[in-house]
């Protein structure tokens, strides 16, 4: 017996055997059992606290028969095996209610829904039953692995909330849900980033190379990026301007993007924006240009704005966070450096399309009140939340005579 052979060394012997792994351990146990003779397998199993199946496998391996350690086949299968669409459905619920870090310090998203609310919406919207969904802790782990942070983050909370905020978010979700599976619809998110100061100035961050910046950040050279995030294809387009990002500049960028990617192939465009001063639905020049764009290319345009103080729910804001991370720690002392860093940034595994607009736009352009009163008759605003949802139908515009012999627009 083992105690007879080893006496006080038994514990050391057992410890040494257990330090072996896989096939080596099984072979060693099988050799010991074989040397003990009859009843050796049971004795080894008892003394070493292993299964007799382990020893049997070792005996086969001693004969040259290979046995694979299928560790990945052990244990219970993940819930996504049983429910293959679960992770996609969770993402669909959470993504429209997530925002980026207000300071652009990270690209991770913050969400305002709890695990309990996600579970409730999975049952109510996606048709799951309470019995087939995993327990709360498992659901929480899956959401964390998808990259969503569930804790309340004080710095990410909006400072204010207007009476229409909830109604605006509900209508946003309704518009997106109604159009997300339609082949003729394109959804884009637009926004202008704060002006980027060009010069030998520090932008924070760290660099592996020693870089020295001026001890002040005064300067007169700026460039402003305008972003178009195509939520249909995840493509990001950045257009920089050295002048102010006016309503005309924004619509020109949207028109150029449409002509380059979707001319004659799609007929509906949803634009998500933050209702800023130059692209507001009350900005007369912006609305005039968008209506003319709709009529010219025969496109139905839906302007779907985010409520005040909640602009960081706008998806393109996440691209600004990525851009800030990309060029922090470097000196943006020339226009070429700004454009170069923007081009080398990676978004969704691809580089964005980057260009510089050389057009000079006049600021303060307004449309006469009498003309805007006519334009207003050709568009449809959502009841109760008129400023945040506008539908522009090209058929209505043409029937209204905006373009033709009797047009008031020349």
Protein backbone atom coordinates (compact mmCIF):
# COMPACT_ATOMS: atom_id res chain seq x y z
CA UNK A 1 0.00 0.00 0.00
CA UNK A 2 1.09 3.63 -0.48
CA UNK A 3 1.60 4.30 3.26
CA UNK A 4 3.91 1.22 3.41
CA UNK A 5 6.08 2.47 0.58
CA UNK A 6 6.36 6.12 1.53
CA UNK A 7 5.45 6.56 5.20
CA UNK A 8 5.95 10.21 6.14
CA UNK A 9 6.73 11.12 2.51
CA UNK A 10 3.20 10.27 1.40
CA UNK A 11 1.90 13.87 1.60
CA UNK A 12 4.87 15.15 -0.40
CA UNK A 13 4.35 12.46 -3.02
CA UNK A 14 0.63 13.26 -3.40
CA UNK A 15 1.33 17.01 -3.60
CA UNK A 16 3.91 16.43 -6.31
CA UNK A 17 1.54 14.30 -8.39
CA UNK A 18 -1.19 16.94 -8.17
CA UNK A 19 1.17 19.57 -9.57
CA UNK A 20 1.18 17.65 -12.83
CA UNK A 21 -1.46 18.63 -15.37
CA UNK A 22 -3.56 16.85 -17.96
CA UNK A 23 -2.07 13.82 -19.65
CA UNK A 24 1.10 13.78 -17.50
CA UNK A 25 -0.93 13.52 -14.32
CA UNK A 26 -3.17 10.76 -15.67
CA UNK A 27 -0.19 8.70 -16.87
CA UNK A 28 1.56 9.01 -13.51
CA UNK A 29 -1.54 7.87 -11.63
CA UNK A 30 -2.02 4.96 -14.06
CA UNK A 31 1.61 3.86 -13.56
CA UNK A 32 1.17 3.88 -9.75
CA UNK A 33 -2.07 1.90 -9.99
CA UNK A 34 -0.41 -0.63 -12.29
CA UNK A 35 2.56 -1.06 -9.95
CA UNK A 36 0.22 -1.74 -6.99
CA UNK A 37 -1.38 -4.62 -8.88
CA UNK A 38 -4.89 -5.85 -8.10
CA UNK A 39 -7.04 -3.19 -6.49
CA UNK A 40 -4.44 -0.56 -7.32
CA UNK A 41 -6.90 1.59 -9.28
CA UNK A 42 -9.31 1.92 -6.33
CA UNK A 43 -6.46 2.59 -3.91
CA UNK A 44 -4.96 5.34 -6.06
CA UNK A 45 -8.37 6.91 -6.60
CA UNK A 46 -8.94 7.01 -2.83
CA UNK A 47 -5.46 8.17 -1.78
CA UNK A 48 -5.10 10.84 -4.47
CA UNK A 49 -8.76 11.88 -4.40
CA UNK A 50 -9.29 11.43 -8.11
CA UNK A 51 -11.84 9.67 -10.25
CA UNK A 52 -11.21 6.12 -11.44
CA UNK A 53 -12.12 7.39 -14.90
CA UNK A 54 -9.07 9.64 -14.74
CA UNK A 55 -6.86 6.60 -14.04
CA UNK A 56 -8.52 4.61 -16.85
CA UNK A 57 -7.77 7.45 -19.28
CA UNK A 58 -4.15 7.35 -18.12
CA UNK A 59 -3.96 3.61 -18.85
CA UNK A 60 -5.17 4.22 -22.40
CA UNK A 61 -2.65 7.03 -22.82
CA UNK A 62 0.15 4.70 -21.68
CA UNK A 63 -0.83 2.48 -24.60
CA UNK A 64 -0.42 5.41 -27.00
CA UNK A 65 -4.08 6.35 -27.31
CA UNK A 66 -4.43 10.16 -27.31
CA UNK A 67 -7.18 11.75 -25.21
CA UNK A 68 -8.03 15.45 -25.72
CA UNK A 69 -8.79 17.68 -22.74
CA UNK A 70 -12.06 19.29 -23.84
CA UNK A 71 -12.16 21.92 -21.14
CA UNK A 72 -14.24 24.27 -23.29
CA UNK A 73 -17.00 21.67 -23.47
CA UNK A 74 -17.44 21.56 -19.71
CA UNK A 75 -20.05 23.40 -17.71
CA UNK A 76 -23.28 24.97 -18.82
CA UNK A 77 -23.60 26.67 -22.18
CA UNK A 78 -23.93 30.46 -22.25
CA UNK A 79 -27.43 31.87 -22.37
CA UNK A 80 -26.74 33.24 -25.87
CA UNK A 81 -26.57 29.63 -27.13
CA UNK A 82 -30.12 29.01 -25.99
CA UNK A 83 -31.30 32.50 -26.98
CA UNK A 84 -29.18 33.43 -30.04
CA UNK A 85 -30.81 36.86 -30.53
CA UNK A 86 -30.61 37.95 -26.89
CA UNK A 87 -27.42 40.04 -27.11
CA UNK A 88 -28.61 41.77 -30.27
CA UNK A 89 -31.97 42.56 -28.65
CA UNK A 90 -30.25 43.94 -25.53
CA UNK A 91 -28.08 46.19 -27.69
CA UNK A 92 -31.13 47.40 -29.61
CA UNK A 93 -32.86 48.39 -26.36
CA UNK A 94 -29.89 50.05 -24.66
CA UNK A 95 -28.09 51.72 -27.56
CA UNK A 96 -30.79 54.33 -28.24
CA UNK A 97 -30.69 55.33 -24.57
CA UNK A 98 -26.91 55.63 -24.14
CA UNK A 99 -24.66 58.66 -24.09
CA UNK A 100 -20.97 59.35 -24.23
CA UNK A 101 -18.73 60.83 -21.54
CA UNK A 102 -19.41 64.61 -21.41
CA UNK A 103 -15.67 65.34 -21.06
CA UNK A 104 -14.74 62.90 -23.88
CA UNK A 105 -12.39 61.19 -21.43
CA UNK A 106 -13.48 57.74 -22.57
CA UNK A 107 -15.29 56.13 -25.48
CA UNK A 108 -17.32 53.90 -23.17
CA UNK A 109 -21.05 54.53 -23.14
CA UNK A 110 -23.20 55.36 -20.16
CA UNK A 111 -26.76 54.13 -20.13
CA UNK A 112 -29.72 55.39 -18.20
CA UNK A 113 -31.59 52.07 -18.04
CA UNK A 114 -31.22 49.48 -15.28
CA UNK A 115 -31.03 45.70 -15.66
CA UNK A 116 -34.57 45.49 -14.31
CA UNK A 117 -35.78 47.88 -17.01
CA UNK A 118 -33.88 45.98 -19.72
CA UNK A 119 -35.56 42.76 -18.61
CA UNK A 120 -38.95 44.46 -18.65
CA UNK A 121 -38.40 45.77 -22.18
CA UNK A 122 -37.11 42.39 -23.42
CA UNK A 123 -40.43 40.90 -22.34
CA UNK A 124 -42.63 43.78 -23.50
CA UNK A 125 -40.90 44.65 -26.78
CA UNK A 126 -39.02 41.56 -27.89
CA UNK A 127 -41.48 38.84 -26.90
CA UNK A 128 -39.37 36.94 -24.34
CA UNK A 129 -41.00 35.23 -21.38
CA UNK A 130 -39.87 35.73 -17.80
CA UNK A 131 -39.09 32.01 -17.49
CA UNK A 132 -36.71 31.80 -20.45
CA UNK A 133 -34.69 34.90 -19.56
CA UNK A 134 -31.64 34.40 -17.31
CA UNK A 135 -31.49 35.62 -13.72
CA UNK A 136 -30.70 39.27 -13.05
CA UNK A 137 -27.01 38.69 -12.28
CA UNK A 138 -26.45 36.82 -15.55
CA UNK A 139 -28.26 39.54 -17.49
CA UNK A 140 -26.12 42.15 -15.75
CA UNK A 141 -22.92 40.29 -16.75
CA UNK A 142 -24.02 40.10 -20.38
CA UNK A 143 -24.77 43.83 -20.47
CA UNK A 144 -21.36 44.62 -18.96
CA UNK A 145 -19.63 42.45 -21.57
CA UNK A 146 -21.43 44.39 -24.30
CA UNK A 147 -19.64 47.51 -23.04
CA UNK A 148 -22.48 49.30 -21.26
CA UNK A 149 -22.00 50.81 -17.84
CA UNK A 150 -25.03 50.53 -15.59
CA UNK A 151 -23.94 52.66 -12.62
CA UNK A 152 -25.22 56.18 -12.27
CA UNK A 153 -22.53 58.62 -13.39
CA UNK A 154 -23.08 62.06 -11.94
CA UNK A 155 -20.98 63.86 -14.52
CA UNK A 156 -23.05 62.34 -17.33
CA UNK A 157 -26.42 63.49 -16.01
CA UNK A 158 -28.03 66.38 -17.88
CA UNK A 159 -28.22 69.61 -15.96
CA UNK A 160 -31.79 70.38 -16.88
CA UNK A 161 -34.90 68.73 -18.18
CA UNK A 162 -37.82 70.34 -19.98
CA UNK A 163 -41.44 69.21 -19.86
CA UNK A 164 -41.23 67.65 -23.34
CA UNK A 165 -38.06 65.61 -22.73
CA UNK A 166 -39.75 62.24 -22.18
CA UNK A 167 -42.15 62.78 -25.09
CA UNK A 168 -39.21 63.64 -27.37
CA UNK A 169 -37.30 60.48 -26.42
CA UNK A 170 -40.43 58.36 -26.88
CA UNK A 171 -41.00 59.85 -30.34
CA UNK A 172 -37.33 59.37 -31.26
CA UNK A 173 -37.61 55.69 -30.44
CA UNK A 174 -40.86 55.40 -32.38
CA UNK A 175 -39.35 57.00 -35.49
CA UNK A 176 -36.26 54.80 -35.33
CA UNK A 177 -38.22 51.59 -34.73
CA UNK A 178 -40.59 52.30 -37.61
CA UNK A 179 -37.78 52.85 -40.11
CA UNK A 180 -34.82 50.72 -38.97
CA UNK A 181 -35.63 47.72 -41.19
CA UNK A 182 -36.62 49.64 -44.31
CA UNK A 183 -34.23 49.36 -47.26
CA UNK A 184 -35.16 52.76 -48.67
CA UNK A 185 -34.27 54.68 -45.48
CA UNK A 186 -30.93 56.25 -44.49
CA UNK A 187 -30.35 57.54 -40.96
CA UNK A 188 -27.52 59.95 -40.21
CA UNK A 189 -26.38 61.77 -37.09
CA UNK A 190 -24.88 65.24 -37.56
CA UNK A 191 -23.06 67.68 -35.31
CA UNK A 192 -20.29 70.26 -35.25
CA UNK A 193 -17.49 69.89 -32.74
CA UNK A 194 -16.05 72.81 -30.80
CA UNK A 195 -13.48 74.79 -32.76
CA UNK A 196 -10.02 73.22 -32.77
CA UNK A 197 -7.28 75.72 -31.99
CA UNK A 198 -4.26 75.42 -34.29
CA UNK A 199 -0.86 76.19 -32.78
CA UNK A 200 1.93 74.92 -30.55
CA UNK A 201 -0.50 74.28 -27.71
CA UNK A 202 -0.93 71.38 -25.30
CA UNK A 203 -4.08 69.31 -25.65
CA UNK A 204 -3.45 67.18 -22.60
CA UNK A 205 -2.81 63.47 -22.83
CA UNK A 206 0.59 61.74 -22.88
CA UNK A 207 3.20 61.06 -25.56
CA UNK A 208 6.14 58.65 -25.67
CA UNK A 209 8.16 61.42 -27.27
CA UNK A 210 9.14 64.55 -25.36
CA UNK A 211 6.92 67.33 -26.68
CA UNK A 212 7.07 70.93 -25.47
CA UNK A 213 4.21 73.34 -25.97
CA UNK A 214 3.86 77.07 -25.40
CA UNK A 215 3.12 78.21 -21.87
CA UNK A 216 -0.01 79.98 -23.17
CA UNK A 217 -2.82 79.04 -25.54
CA UNK A 218 -3.54 82.35 -27.23
CA UNK A 219 -4.02 82.21 -30.97
CA UNK A 220 -6.29 83.23 -33.83
CA UNK A 221 -6.23 80.14 -36.05
CA UNK A 222 -9.10 77.71 -35.69
CA UNK A 223 -10.78 74.97 -37.68
CA UNK A 224 -14.24 73.52 -37.06
CA UNK A 225 -15.14 69.90 -37.88
CA UNK A 226 -18.62 68.89 -39.00
CA UNK A 227 -19.44 65.22 -38.62
CA UNK A 228 -21.87 62.98 -40.48
CA UNK A 229 -22.21 59.55 -38.87
CA UNK A 230 -24.10 57.20 -41.16
CA UNK A 231 -26.01 54.91 -38.81
CA UNK A 232 -27.01 52.73 -41.76
CA UNK A 233 -23.42 51.76 -42.62
CA UNK A 234 -21.39 53.03 -39.58
CA UNK A 235 -19.41 55.23 -41.98
CA UNK A 236 -18.05 58.48 -40.55
CA UNK A 237 -17.41 61.57 -42.67
CA UNK A 238 -15.66 64.67 -41.28
CA UNK A 239 -15.67 67.99 -43.12
CA UNK A 240 -13.49 70.79 -41.73
CA UNK A 241 -14.00 74.50 -42.32
CA UNK A 242 -11.83 77.47 -41.43
CA UNK A 243 -14.90 79.71 -41.32
CA UNK A 244 -17.98 79.48 -39.14
CA UNK A 245 -20.09 76.33 -39.53
CA UNK A 246 -23.23 77.99 -40.87
CA UNK A 247 -26.57 76.51 -41.91
CA UNK A 248 -25.53 76.68 -45.57
CA UNK A 249 -22.27 74.86 -44.81
CA UNK A 250 -24.10 72.03 -43.03
CA UNK A 251 -26.70 71.54 -45.75
CA UNK A 252 -24.00 71.61 -48.44
CA UNK A 253 -22.18 68.81 -46.57
CA UNK A 254 -25.39 66.76 -46.24
CA UNK A 255 -26.23 67.27 -49.92
CA UNK A 256 -22.72 66.27 -51.02
CA UNK A 257 -22.84 63.17 -48.83
CA UNK A 258 -26.22 62.13 -50.24
CA UNK A 259 -25.13 62.60 -53.84
CA UNK A 260 -21.94 60.61 -53.26
CA UNK A 261 -23.53 57.63 -51.51
CA UNK A 262 -27.30 57.40 -52.07
CA UNK A 263 -28.34 59.37 -55.15
CA UNK A 264 -31.13 57.48 -57.00
CA UNK A 265 -30.90 54.51 -54.58
CA UNK A 266 -32.76 55.74 -51.45
CA UNK A 267 -35.74 58.05 -50.96
CA UNK A 268 -35.92 58.77 -47.21
CA UNK A 269 -33.40 60.50 -44.94
CA UNK A 270 -33.65 60.70 -41.14
CA UNK A 271 -31.40 63.35 -39.62
CA UNK A 272 -30.59 63.20 -35.90
CA UNK A 273 -29.20 66.45 -34.50
CA UNK A 274 -29.08 68.49 -31.31
CA UNK A 275 -31.20 71.49 -32.42
CA UNK A 276 -28.25 73.87 -32.26
CA UNK A 277 -28.51 77.50 -33.38
CA UNK A 278 -27.42 76.86 -37.00
CA UNK A 279 -29.36 73.63 -37.62
CA UNK A 280 -32.45 74.26 -35.52
CA UNK A 281 -35.86 73.64 -37.05
CA UNK A 282 -36.54 77.32 -36.33
CA UNK A 283 -33.41 78.50 -38.17
CA UNK A 284 -34.96 79.97 -41.29
CA UNK A 285 -31.99 79.52 -43.63
CA UNK A 286 -31.44 75.92 -42.54
CA UNK A 287 -35.09 75.01 -43.05
CA UNK A 288 -35.19 76.76 -46.43
CA UNK A 289 -32.14 74.85 -47.63
CA UNK A 290 -33.35 71.48 -46.31
CA UNK A 291 -36.75 71.92 -47.94
CA UNK A 292 -35.10 72.81 -51.24
CA UNK A 293 -32.79 69.79 -50.87
CA UNK A 294 -35.84 67.55 -50.36
CA UNK A 295 -37.58 68.92 -53.43
CA UNK A 296 -34.49 68.86 -55.66
CA UNK A 297 -33.66 65.20 -55.05
CA UNK A 298 -37.22 64.07 -54.30
CA UNK A 299 -36.28 62.83 -50.82
CA UNK A 300 -38.50 62.58 -47.78
CA UNK A 301 -36.56 64.19 -44.93
CA UNK A 302 -37.34 63.60 -41.24
CA UNK A 303 -35.63 65.97 -38.81
CA UNK A 304 -35.49 64.19 -35.44
CA UNK A 305 -33.80 66.30 -32.78
CA UNK A 306 -32.66 65.38 -29.29
CA UNK A 307 -34.10 67.46 -26.44
CA UNK A 308 -32.21 70.37 -24.88
CA UNK A 309 -29.41 69.45 -22.43
CA UNK A 310 -29.37 65.90 -23.86
CA UNK A 311 -27.31 66.42 -27.00
CA UNK A 312 -24.76 63.81 -25.89
CA UNK A 313 -27.28 61.10 -26.71
CA UNK A 314 -26.66 62.06 -30.34
CA UNK A 315 -24.59 59.12 -31.73
CA UNK A 316 -22.04 61.28 -33.58
CA UNK A 317 -20.93 62.68 -30.20
CA UNK A 318 -19.18 59.34 -29.62
CA UNK A 319 -16.99 59.99 -32.65
CA UNK A 320 -15.81 63.26 -31.08
CA UNK A 321 -14.75 61.31 -27.99
CA UNK A 322 -12.70 58.95 -30.16
CA UNK A 323 -11.11 61.87 -32.03
CA UNK A 324 -10.12 63.62 -28.78
CA UNK A 325 -8.48 60.43 -27.51
CA UNK A 326 -6.69 59.95 -30.82
CA UNK A 327 -4.91 63.28 -31.01
CA UNK A 328 -4.46 64.10 -27.33
CA UNK A 329 -0.79 64.22 -26.38
CA UNK A 330 0.19 65.69 -29.74
CA UNK A 331 0.68 69.20 -31.05
CA UNK A 332 -1.82 70.40 -33.67
CA UNK A 333 0.29 73.25 -34.98
CA UNK A 334 -0.80 73.13 -38.64
CA UNK A 335 -3.98 72.49 -40.57
CA UNK A 336 -2.27 69.51 -42.20
CA UNK A 337 -1.63 68.01 -38.76
CA UNK A 338 -5.31 68.34 -37.81
CA UNK A 339 -6.47 66.70 -41.03
CA UNK A 340 -3.78 64.02 -40.81
CA UNK A 341 -4.78 62.97 -37.31
CA UNK A 342 -8.45 62.94 -38.30
CA UNK A 343 -7.68 60.68 -41.28
CA UNK A 344 -5.67 58.21 -39.18
CA UNK A 345 -8.36 57.91 -36.52
CA UNK A 346 -10.21 54.58 -36.48
CA UNK A 347 -13.98 54.40 -36.13
CA UNK A 348 -15.74 51.02 -36.18
CA UNK A 349 -12.62 49.44 -37.62
CA UNK A 350 -12.31 51.93 -40.50
CA UNK A 351 -10.78 55.35 -41.11
CA UNK A 352 -13.26 58.19 -41.63
CA UNK A 353 -13.50 60.18 -44.84
CA UNK A 354 -11.94 63.58 -44.16
CA UNK A 355 -12.03 66.71 -46.29
CA UNK A 356 -11.55 70.47 -46.03
CA UNK A 357 -14.21 72.85 -47.31
CA UNK A 358 -12.67 75.86 -49.00
CA UNK A 359 -16.00 77.67 -49.41
CA UNK A 360 -16.55 80.91 -47.52
CA UNK A 361 -20.05 81.22 -46.08
CA UNK A 362 -21.88 84.39 -45.19
CA UNK A 363 -23.05 84.53 -41.60
CA UNK A 364 -26.39 85.82 -40.35
CA UNK A 365 -28.36 84.89 -43.48
CA UNK A 366 -32.11 85.01 -42.81
CA UNK A 367 -35.23 84.31 -44.83
CA UNK A 368 -38.04 86.83 -45.02
CA UNK A 369 -40.95 86.12 -42.72
CA UNK A 370 -43.47 86.06 -45.58
CA UNK A 371 -41.44 83.41 -47.40
CA UNK A 372 -41.01 81.30 -44.24
CA UNK A 373 -44.74 81.43 -43.60
CA UNK A 374 -45.17 79.82 -47.00
CA UNK A 375 -42.51 77.21 -46.31
CA UNK A 376 -44.17 76.31 -43.01
CA UNK A 377 -47.32 75.32 -44.88
CA UNK A 378 -45.33 72.69 -46.79
CA UNK A 379 -43.93 70.81 -43.79
CA UNK A 380 -45.41 68.75 -40.97
CA UNK A 381 -44.45 69.21 -37.32
CA UNK A 382 -45.24 66.64 -34.61
CA UNK A 383 -48.02 67.82 -32.31
CA UNK A 384 -46.77 69.03 -28.93
CA UNK A 385 -43.11 68.66 -29.87
CA UNK A 386 -43.10 70.77 -33.01
CA UNK A 387 -39.53 72.07 -32.65
CA UNK A 388 -38.02 68.59 -32.45
CA UNK A 389 -39.76 66.58 -35.19
CA UNK A 390 -40.30 67.86 -38.72
CA UNK A 391 -41.32 65.80 -41.74
CA UNK A 392 -40.61 67.21 -45.19
CA UNK A 393 -42.42 65.40 -48.00
CA UNK A 394 -41.22 66.29 -51.54
CA UNK A 395 -44.67 65.56 -52.98
CA UNK A 396 -46.24 68.17 -50.69
CA UNK A 397 -43.54 70.68 -51.62
CA UNK A 398 -44.04 70.24 -55.34
CA UNK A 399 -47.84 70.27 -55.03
CA UNK A 400 -47.46 73.49 -53.08
CA UNK A 401 -45.77 75.11 -56.04
CA UNK A 402 -42.41 75.72 -54.41
CA UNK A 403 -40.73 74.75 -57.68
CA UNK A 404 -42.39 75.74 -60.93
CA UNK A 405 -43.55 78.71 -62.96
CA UNK A 406 -45.41 80.29 -60.03
CA UNK A 407 -42.69 79.57 -57.44
CA UNK A 408 -41.92 82.31 -54.93
CA UNK A 409 -38.32 81.04 -54.87
CA UNK A 410 -36.25 82.25 -57.79
